[in-house]
């Protein structure tokens, strides 16, 4: 209203003269300022990323696939990776639509928009007589990658190390478990029977304790 001076909004955090309360308020203000700064940095990073010129992918390129729209078998979505791959571009439908060589077990359409893809760069390093090949590093955004580890030999058979169990389902009279293998991307996760996990007892026991309804404790014989 003309001639009426509006009162400013009160501060969300009231002032106090108590030392302990004042210290706590200072911590809250600092946390808020840091959160706002982090949000501003993330916004600027996304703006810089979106303003970069787009270079069409070529057939045979290795790319990362954003996992935001993928339906994964992870029990906890927070455990799912933000990106899957890398995958090979197997076909070009247009400047912005690409077909990827994804695992057949995913059972999803294998054509994706370019906005969901990030190039995975091949790096070849040579020093003296040693030649080290990193299969495909991500980019400066993701940091370096390293070759997948070789399997161990147990009783003359190859055995891979279990990093984590990320899901389970009914399989016949028992259960099958979705295994994340140590040193391998999540696209290499596979379903395994419990009998195949005899050398991962601790990991399996810890996982079962998280789902007592599916894996009730067996009573010990008296």
Protein backbone atom coordinates (compact mmCIF):
# COMPACT_ATOMS: atom_id res chain seq x y z
CA UNK A 1 0.00 0.00 0.00
CA UNK A 2 1.31 3.44 -0.89
CA UNK A 3 2.90 5.21 2.08
CA UNK A 4 3.09 2.01 4.13
CA UNK A 5 6.53 0.68 5.01
CA UNK A 6 6.62 -3.12 5.05
CA UNK A 7 8.36 -4.78 7.95
CA UNK A 8 11.27 -7.02 6.95
CA UNK A 9 10.89 -10.74 7.49
CA UNK A 10 12.36 -11.89 10.80
CA UNK A 11 15.51 -13.99 10.80
CA UNK A 12 14.88 -17.73 10.84
CA UNK A 13 17.57 -18.06 13.50
CA UNK A 14 17.06 -15.82 16.51
CA UNK A 15 19.99 -14.14 18.21
CA UNK A 16 21.03 -15.38 21.65
CA UNK A 17 23.54 -14.49 24.34
CA UNK A 18 24.01 -18.04 25.60
CA UNK A 19 27.53 -19.24 24.59
CA UNK A 20 26.49 -22.82 23.81
CA UNK A 21 23.45 -21.77 21.81
CA UNK A 22 25.44 -19.09 19.98
CA UNK A 23 28.09 -21.66 19.04
CA UNK A 24 25.39 -23.99 17.72
CA UNK A 25 23.78 -21.20 15.68
CA UNK A 26 27.16 -20.34 14.18
CA UNK A 27 27.57 -23.99 13.14
CA UNK A 28 24.13 -23.97 11.51
CA UNK A 29 24.89 -20.76 9.63
CA UNK A 30 28.19 -22.18 8.42
CA UNK A 31 26.54 -25.44 7.30
CA UNK A 32 23.89 -23.47 5.41
CA UNK A 33 26.50 -21.31 3.68
CA UNK A 34 28.50 -24.40 2.68
CA UNK A 35 25.35 -26.09 1.34
CA UNK A 36 24.46 -23.03 -0.73
CA UNK A 37 28.02 -22.84 -2.06
CA UNK A 38 27.95 -26.53 -3.03
CA UNK A 39 24.59 -26.05 -4.76
CA UNK A 40 25.94 -23.05 -6.68
CA UNK A 41 29.04 -25.01 -7.73
CA UNK A 42 26.89 -27.94 -8.93
CA UNK A 43 24.68 -25.55 -10.92
CA UNK A 44 27.70 -23.94 -12.59
CA UNK A 45 29.21 -27.37 -13.36
CA UNK A 46 26.00 -28.53 -15.04
CA UNK A 47 25.78 -25.27 -16.99
CA UNK A 48 29.37 -25.64 -18.23
CA UNK A 49 28.74 -29.25 -19.16
CA UNK A 50 25.55 -28.47 -21.11
CA UNK A 51 27.26 -25.62 -23.00
CA UNK A 52 30.02 -27.85 -24.39
CA UNK A 53 29.80 -28.50 -28.14
CA UNK A 54 28.37 -31.93 -28.91
CA UNK A 55 30.52 -34.31 -30.96
CA UNK A 56 28.53 -37.19 -32.49
CA UNK A 57 29.62 -40.67 -31.46
CA UNK A 58 31.08 -43.10 -33.97
CA UNK A 59 30.34 -46.78 -34.37
CA UNK A 60 32.74 -48.71 -32.17
CA UNK A 61 33.12 -45.92 -29.59
CA UNK A 62 32.97 -46.86 -25.92
CA UNK A 63 30.46 -44.84 -23.93
CA UNK A 64 29.01 -44.57 -20.44
CA UNK A 65 25.26 -44.85 -20.04
CA UNK A 66 23.45 -42.72 -17.45
CA UNK A 67 21.53 -45.10 -15.17
CA UNK A 68 18.83 -42.64 -14.08
CA UNK A 69 16.13 -44.28 -16.22
CA UNK A 70 17.30 -47.89 -15.95
CA UNK A 71 15.31 -50.41 -13.94
CA UNK A 72 17.95 -52.24 -11.95
CA UNK A 73 17.75 -55.29 -9.71
CA UNK A 74 19.38 -53.53 -6.78
CA UNK A 75 17.52 -53.93 -3.49
CA UNK A 76 18.62 -50.42 -2.54
CA UNK A 77 18.61 -47.77 -5.26
CA UNK A 78 21.38 -45.92 -3.41
CA UNK A 79 23.69 -48.87 -4.07
CA UNK A 80 23.10 -48.69 -7.81
CA UNK A 81 25.81 -46.95 -9.87
CA UNK A 82 25.03 -43.60 -11.45
CA UNK A 83 26.43 -44.82 -14.77
CA UNK A 84 26.69 -48.22 -16.43
CA UNK A 85 29.26 -49.49 -18.87
CA UNK A 86 31.29 -48.78 -20.76
CA UNK A 87 29.37 -50.15 -23.75
CA UNK A 88 30.21 -50.23 -27.45
CA UNK A 89 28.19 -48.13 -29.89
CA UNK A 90 26.91 -50.83 -32.24
CA UNK A 91 24.67 -48.68 -34.43
CA UNK A 92 23.90 -45.07 -35.33
CA UNK A 93 20.25 -44.25 -35.97
CA UNK A 94 20.70 -40.47 -36.15
CA UNK A 95 22.97 -37.74 -34.81
CA UNK A 96 21.40 -38.13 -31.38
CA UNK A 97 20.12 -41.74 -31.24
CA UNK A 98 22.53 -44.65 -30.79
CA UNK A 99 22.29 -48.40 -30.36
CA UNK A 100 24.50 -49.90 -27.64
CA UNK A 101 25.78 -53.44 -27.13
CA UNK A 102 24.27 -53.86 -23.67
CA UNK A 103 24.01 -57.20 -21.83
CA UNK A 104 21.23 -59.40 -23.23
CA UNK A 105 20.01 -60.20 -19.70
CA UNK A 106 18.92 -56.58 -19.24
CA UNK A 107 15.95 -57.19 -21.58
CA UNK A 108 15.47 -53.50 -22.39
CA UNK A 109 15.46 -51.50 -25.62
CA UNK A 110 19.08 -50.89 -26.62
CA UNK A 111 18.65 -47.48 -28.31
CA UNK A 112 19.49 -44.37 -26.27
CA UNK A 113 19.57 -40.60 -26.71
CA UNK A 114 22.97 -38.90 -26.85
CA UNK A 115 22.17 -36.89 -23.71
CA UNK A 116 22.43 -40.15 -21.72
CA UNK A 117 25.87 -41.04 -23.11
CA UNK A 118 29.41 -39.96 -22.23
CA UNK A 119 32.49 -40.87 -24.25
CA UNK A 120 34.92 -43.33 -22.67
CA UNK A 121 38.48 -42.55 -23.80
CA UNK A 122 41.21 -45.07 -24.60
CA UNK A 123 44.56 -44.35 -22.96
CA UNK A 124 47.85 -46.01 -23.90
CA UNK A 125 50.84 -45.32 -21.66
CA UNK A 126 54.41 -46.34 -22.44
CA UNK A 127 57.39 -45.92 -20.11
CA UNK A 128 60.80 -47.44 -20.80
CA UNK A 129 60.22 -51.10 -21.71
CA UNK A 130 56.90 -51.34 -19.91
CA UNK A 131 53.68 -50.82 -21.78
CA UNK A 132 50.53 -50.27 -19.75
CA UNK A 133 47.12 -50.16 -21.40
CA UNK A 134 44.17 -48.85 -19.44
CA UNK A 135 41.16 -50.38 -21.22
CA UNK A 136 39.08 -47.21 -21.33
CA UNK A 137 39.29 -44.39 -18.83
CA UNK A 138 36.17 -42.41 -18.18
CA UNK A 139 37.06 -38.73 -18.56
CA UNK A 140 38.26 -35.93 -16.34
CA UNK A 141 34.79 -35.91 -14.77
CA UNK A 142 34.96 -39.54 -13.62
CA UNK A 143 38.68 -40.06 -13.04
CA UNK A 144 40.91 -42.95 -14.15
CA UNK A 145 39.91 -46.58 -14.53
CA UNK A 146 42.00 -49.70 -14.26
CA UNK A 147 41.98 -53.14 -15.91
CA UNK A 148 39.76 -55.78 -14.37
CA UNK A 149 41.70 -58.11 -12.05
CA UNK A 150 42.56 -61.63 -13.11
CA UNK A 151 40.64 -64.42 -11.35
CA UNK A 152 42.22 -66.51 -8.61
CA UNK A 153 42.90 -70.18 -9.20
CA UNK A 154 41.18 -72.42 -6.64
CA UNK A 155 41.58 -76.16 -7.23
CA UNK A 156 42.73 -75.32 -10.78
CA UNK A 157 39.48 -73.44 -11.45
CA UNK A 158 39.10 -69.71 -12.00
CA UNK A 159 37.35 -67.92 -9.15
CA UNK A 160 36.37 -64.25 -9.00
CA UNK A 161 36.14 -62.23 -5.79
CA UNK A 162 32.72 -61.13 -4.57
CA UNK A 163 32.63 -57.41 -3.78
CA UNK A 164 28.99 -57.23 -2.72
CA UNK A 165 25.61 -58.91 -3.00
CA UNK A 166 23.15 -56.36 -4.38
CA UNK A 167 19.94 -58.36 -4.83
CA UNK A 168 18.20 -61.72 -4.56
CA UNK A 169 15.25 -63.61 -6.03
CA UNK A 170 13.56 -66.97 -5.75
CA UNK A 171 15.13 -69.68 -7.87
CA UNK A 172 13.58 -73.14 -7.68
CA UNK A 173 13.50 -74.19 -4.04
CA UNK A 174 16.16 -71.70 -3.03
CA UNK A 175 17.44 -68.26 -3.94
CA UNK A 176 19.72 -66.72 -6.52
CA UNK A 177 21.88 -63.74 -5.61
CA UNK A 178 22.92 -60.80 -7.78
CA UNK A 179 26.69 -60.49 -7.41
CA UNK A 180 28.87 -57.40 -7.89
CA UNK A 181 32.32 -58.73 -8.76
CA UNK A 182 35.34 -56.89 -7.35
CA UNK A 183 37.14 -54.84 -9.98
CA UNK A 184 34.38 -55.22 -12.59
CA UNK A 185 31.68 -52.74 -13.66
CA UNK A 186 28.12 -53.32 -12.54
CA UNK A 187 27.20 -54.30 -16.10
CA UNK A 188 29.08 -57.55 -15.34
CA UNK A 189 26.87 -58.34 -12.33
CA UNK A 190 25.42 -61.84 -12.55
CA UNK A 191 22.94 -64.09 -10.78
CA UNK A 192 24.53 -66.95 -8.85
CA UNK A 193 23.15 -69.86 -6.86
CA UNK A 194 24.02 -70.02 -3.18
CA UNK A 195 26.07 -73.15 -3.82
CA UNK A 196 28.41 -71.06 -6.00
CA UNK A 197 29.20 -68.70 -3.11
CA UNK A 198 30.92 -71.10 -0.76
CA UNK A 199 33.99 -68.83 -0.48
CA UNK A 200 31.90 -65.75 0.33
CA UNK A 201 30.24 -67.01 3.52
CA UNK A 202 30.74 -63.79 5.50
CA UNK A 203 29.34 -61.59 2.74
CA UNK A 204 26.38 -63.93 2.24
CA UNK A 205 25.61 -64.15 5.97
CA UNK A 206 25.73 -60.37 6.37
CA UNK A 207 23.39 -59.95 3.40
CA UNK A 208 20.87 -62.48 4.70
CA UNK A 209 20.69 -60.68 8.06
CA UNK A 210 19.35 -57.62 6.23
CA UNK A 211 16.34 -59.62 4.99
CA UNK A 212 15.15 -61.76 7.94
CA UNK A 213 11.73 -62.35 6.34
CA UNK A 214 13.30 -63.99 3.30
CA UNK A 215 16.06 -65.73 5.26
CA UNK A 216 14.74 -66.65 8.74
CA UNK A 217 17.31 -67.91 11.21
CA UNK A 218 17.40 -71.68 11.39
CA UNK A 219 16.99 -73.15 14.87
CA UNK A 220 20.00 -75.03 16.11
CA UNK A 221 19.30 -78.67 17.08
CA UNK A 222 19.30 -79.27 20.82
